[in-house]
Protein backbone atom coordinates (compact mmCIF):
# COMPACT_ATOMS: atom_id res chain seq x y z
CA MET A 1 -8.02 124.41 89.90
CA LEU A 2 -6.33 124.98 93.24
CA PRO A 3 -6.82 122.40 95.98
CA PRO A 4 -8.90 123.56 98.96
CA SER A 5 -5.92 123.19 101.34
CA MET A 6 -4.12 125.99 99.49
CA PHE A 7 -6.93 128.40 100.33
CA ALA A 8 -6.77 127.36 103.97
CA ASN A 9 -3.01 127.95 104.03
CA LEU A 10 -3.49 131.37 102.49
CA LEU A 11 -6.08 132.23 105.12
CA GLN A 12 -3.69 131.08 107.87
CA LEU A 13 -1.01 133.35 106.40
CA ILE A 14 -3.32 136.35 106.24
CA THR A 15 -4.83 135.85 109.70
CA ARG A 16 -1.45 134.79 111.19
CA ARG A 17 -2.91 131.67 112.78
CA SER A 18 -0.69 128.67 113.47
CA PRO A 19 -1.16 125.68 111.16
CA SER A 20 -3.00 122.60 112.31
CA ALA A 21 -1.16 119.55 113.68
CA ASP A 22 -1.49 117.52 110.46
CA TYR A 23 -0.27 120.34 108.20
CA GLY A 24 3.05 118.61 107.39
CA ARG A 25 1.39 115.33 106.48
CA GLU A 26 -1.07 116.86 104.01
CA PHE A 27 1.41 118.98 102.08
CA VAL A 28 3.45 116.24 100.35
CA LYS A 29 1.78 112.90 99.83
CA GLU A 30 4.40 111.08 97.77
CA VAL A 31 7.55 111.72 95.78
CA ASN A 32 8.63 109.45 92.92
CA ILE A 33 11.92 109.90 91.10
CA ARG A 34 12.46 108.21 87.78
CA GLU A 35 15.84 107.96 86.18
CA ARG A 36 16.02 108.83 82.52
CA PRO A 37 16.88 105.84 80.39
CA ARG A 38 20.41 105.81 79.04
CA ARG A 39 20.79 106.85 75.44
CA ASN A 40 21.62 104.18 72.90
CA ARG A 41 24.99 104.87 71.27
CA LYS A 42 23.97 103.11 68.06
CA VAL A 43 20.88 105.27 67.69
CA GLU A 44 22.89 108.44 68.34
CA ARG A 45 25.45 107.37 65.75
CA LEU A 46 22.60 106.74 63.31
CA PHE A 47 21.30 110.28 63.94
CA ILE A 48 24.73 111.73 63.18
CA ILE A 49 25.02 109.69 59.99
CA CYS A 50 21.54 110.72 58.89
CA TRP A 51 22.25 114.42 59.56
CA LEU A 52 25.43 114.16 57.50
CA LEU A 53 23.46 112.54 54.67
CA ILE A 54 20.85 115.30 54.90
CA ALA A 55 23.61 117.91 54.66
CA VAL A 56 25.01 116.20 51.55
CA LYS A 57 21.51 115.99 50.07
CA CYS A 58 20.95 119.71 50.69
CA VAL A 59 24.19 120.63 48.93
CA VAL A 60 23.34 118.39 45.96
CA VAL A 61 19.79 119.74 45.67
CA PHE A 62 20.95 123.36 45.78
CA TRP A 63 23.61 122.61 43.16
CA ALA A 64 21.17 120.71 40.92
CA CYS A 65 18.50 123.42 41.10
CA ALA A 66 21.02 126.11 40.21
CA HIS A 67 22.75 124.05 37.50
CA TYR A 68 19.67 122.72 35.68
CA ARG A 69 17.41 125.79 36.13
CA VAL A 70 14.39 123.92 37.46
CA PRO A 71 11.16 125.94 37.82
CA PHE A 72 11.04 125.70 41.63
CA SER A 73 13.19 126.69 44.55
CA ALA A 74 15.53 124.20 46.18
CA TRP A 75 13.98 125.15 49.49
CA TRP A 76 10.83 123.21 48.50
CA VAL A 77 12.93 120.05 48.83
CA VAL A 78 15.38 121.05 51.54
CA ALA A 79 13.03 122.71 54.07
CA PRO A 80 10.70 119.72 54.65
CA THR A 81 13.67 117.37 54.91
CA VAL A 82 15.40 119.48 57.54
CA LEU A 83 12.14 120.18 59.37
CA PHE A 84 11.12 116.52 59.67
CA ALA A 85 14.64 115.50 60.66
CA ALA A 86 14.68 118.19 63.33
CA VAL A 87 11.31 117.00 64.66
CA CYS A 88 12.52 113.39 64.83
CA THR A 89 15.76 114.39 66.53
CA GLY A 90 13.91 116.63 68.98
CA LEU A 91 11.43 113.89 69.86
CA TYR A 92 14.27 111.48 70.53
CA TYR A 93 16.27 113.84 72.74
CA LEU A 94 13.38 115.61 74.50
CA GLY A 95 10.91 112.74 74.65
CA ASP A 96 10.87 110.36 77.51
């Protein structure tokens, strides 16, 4: 929902009236700037190692499913692994 002061400002624009004396004080109440925490090098290295292990696992699973003729697709093993790893990586890099 829009604050009531926005409607008043719109009316001032339409009617071409000058803003009130306290217009500048009501527009911005407070500004807070937070720095993002620095990334941990050990955790990033762990992510890289885990992604390499996932890549090796994917190759082995595809090879094993093709070599041993199992009754299911290798994607049933690979897709959830990659999906959950991508979610975890995304939460780490995009989360705050």
